Amino acid sequence: MKGALSSTGGVVFAPEKQSGLFKKCAYVNALACKRCGTVFALKLADNPDKLTD
């Protein structure tokens, strides 16, 4: 699924193509290295199945 990350009150993933009145999105959790700043292990936080139609 292709989408975008945005930072309004937390990073969220929103699918590029959606139907319906209410747009679906899910918060994104990640891990980061304090030494080098690499961000990895991106994962949808809650109910990723709600993004599918």
C-alpha atoms as a PDB file:
ATOM      1  CA  MET A   1       0.000   0.000   0.000  1.00  0.00           C
ATOM      2  CA  LYS A   2       1.411   3.387  -0.952  1.00  0.00           C
ATOM      3  CA  GLY A   3       0.780   6.446   1.201  1.00  0.00           C
ATOM      4  CA  ALA A   4       2.251   9.447   2.964  1.00  0.00           C
ATOM      5  CA  LEU A   5       3.582  10.238   6.416  1.00  0.00           C
ATOM      6  CA  SER A   6       2.515  13.495   8.038  1.00  0.00           C
ATOM      7  CA  SER A   7       3.104  15.009  11.458  1.00  0.00           C
ATOM      8  CA  THR A   8      -0.072  16.678  12.687  1.00  0.00           C
ATOM      9  CA  GLY A   9      -0.246  15.552  16.311  1.00  0.00           C
ATOM     10  CA  GLY A  10       1.925  12.506  15.592  1.00  0.00           C
ATOM     11  CA  VAL A  11       3.085  10.701  12.484  1.00  0.00           C
ATOM     12  CA  VAL A  12       0.253   8.977  10.653  1.00  0.00           C
ATOM     13  CA  PHE A  13      -0.005   6.808   7.550  1.00  0.00           C
ATOM     14  CA  ALA A  14      -2.853   7.558   5.163  1.00  0.00           C
ATOM     15  CA  PRO A  15      -3.440   5.407   2.046  1.00  0.00           C
ATOM     16  CA  GLU A  16      -3.121   7.332  -1.212  1.00  0.00           C
ATOM     17  CA  LYS A  17      -6.478   6.132  -2.599  1.00  0.00           C
ATOM     18  CA  GLN A  18      -9.523   6.077  -0.326  1.00  0.00           C
ATOM     19  CA  SER A  19     -13.249   5.992  -0.754  1.00  0.00           C
ATOM     20  CA  GLY A  20     -15.979   7.149   1.572  1.00  0.00           C
ATOM     21  CA  LEU A  21     -16.685  10.245   3.610  1.00  0.00           C
ATOM     22  CA  PHE A  22     -14.284   9.545   6.478  1.00  0.00           C
ATOM     23  CA  LYS A  23     -10.614   9.201   5.568  1.00  0.00           C
ATOM     24  CA  LYS A  24      -8.727   6.357   7.225  1.00  0.00           C
ATOM     25  CA  CYS A  25      -5.307   6.651   8.807  1.00  0.00           C
ATOM     26  CA  ALA A  26      -3.184   4.937  11.446  1.00  0.00           C
ATOM     27  CA  TYR A  27      -0.463   6.253  13.740  1.00  0.00           C
ATOM     28  CA  VAL A  28       3.073   5.043  13.033  1.00  0.00           C
ATOM     29  CA  ASN A  29       5.530   3.825  15.659  1.00  0.00           C
ATOM     30  CA  ALA A  30       9.244   3.486  14.962  1.00  0.00           C
ATOM     31  CA  LEU A  31      12.568   2.751  16.596  1.00  0.00           C
ATOM     32  CA  ALA A  32      15.565   5.061  16.261  1.00  0.00           C
ATOM     33  CA  CYS A  33      19.272   4.795  17.001  1.00  0.00           C
ATOM     34  CA  LYS A  34      20.377   7.483  19.460  1.00  0.00           C
ATOM     35  CA  ARG A  35      23.964   7.347  18.130  1.00  0.00           C
ATOM     36  CA  CYS A  36      23.468   7.708  14.370  1.00  0.00           C
ATOM     37  CA  GLY A  37      19.849   8.861  14.053  1.00  0.00           C
ATOM     38  CA  THR A  38      18.737   5.994  11.809  1.00  0.00           C
ATOM     39  CA  VAL A  39      14.980   5.403  11.981  1.00  0.00           C
ATOM     40  CA  PHE A  40      13.886   1.802  11.477  1.00  0.00           C
ATOM     41  CA  ALA A  41      11.176  -0.748  12.316  1.00  0.00           C
ATOM     42  CA  LEU A  42       8.273   1.430  11.191  1.00  0.00           C
ATOM     43  CA  LYS A  43       5.013  -0.207  12.266  1.00  0.00           C
ATOM     44  CA  LEU A  44       1.367   0.852  12.291  1.00  0.00           C
ATOM     45  CA  ALA A  45       0.366   1.376  15.924  1.00  0.00           C
ATOM     46  CA  ASP A  46      -3.313   0.466  16.175  1.00  0.00           C
ATOM     47  CA  ASN A  47      -5.655  -1.674  14.090  1.00  0.00           C
ATOM     48  CA  PRO A  48      -3.822  -1.660  10.733  1.00  0.00           C
ATOM     49  CA  ASP A  49      -6.676  -3.770   9.328  1.00  0.00           C
ATOM     50  CA  LYS A  50      -8.973  -0.716   9.487  1.00  0.00           C
ATOM     51  CA  LEU A  51      -7.081   0.722   6.469  1.00  0.00           C
ATOM     52  CA  THR A  52      -8.413  -1.944   4.123  1.00  0.00           C
ATOM     53  CA  ASP A  53     -11.792  -1.702   2.478  1.00  0.00           C
END
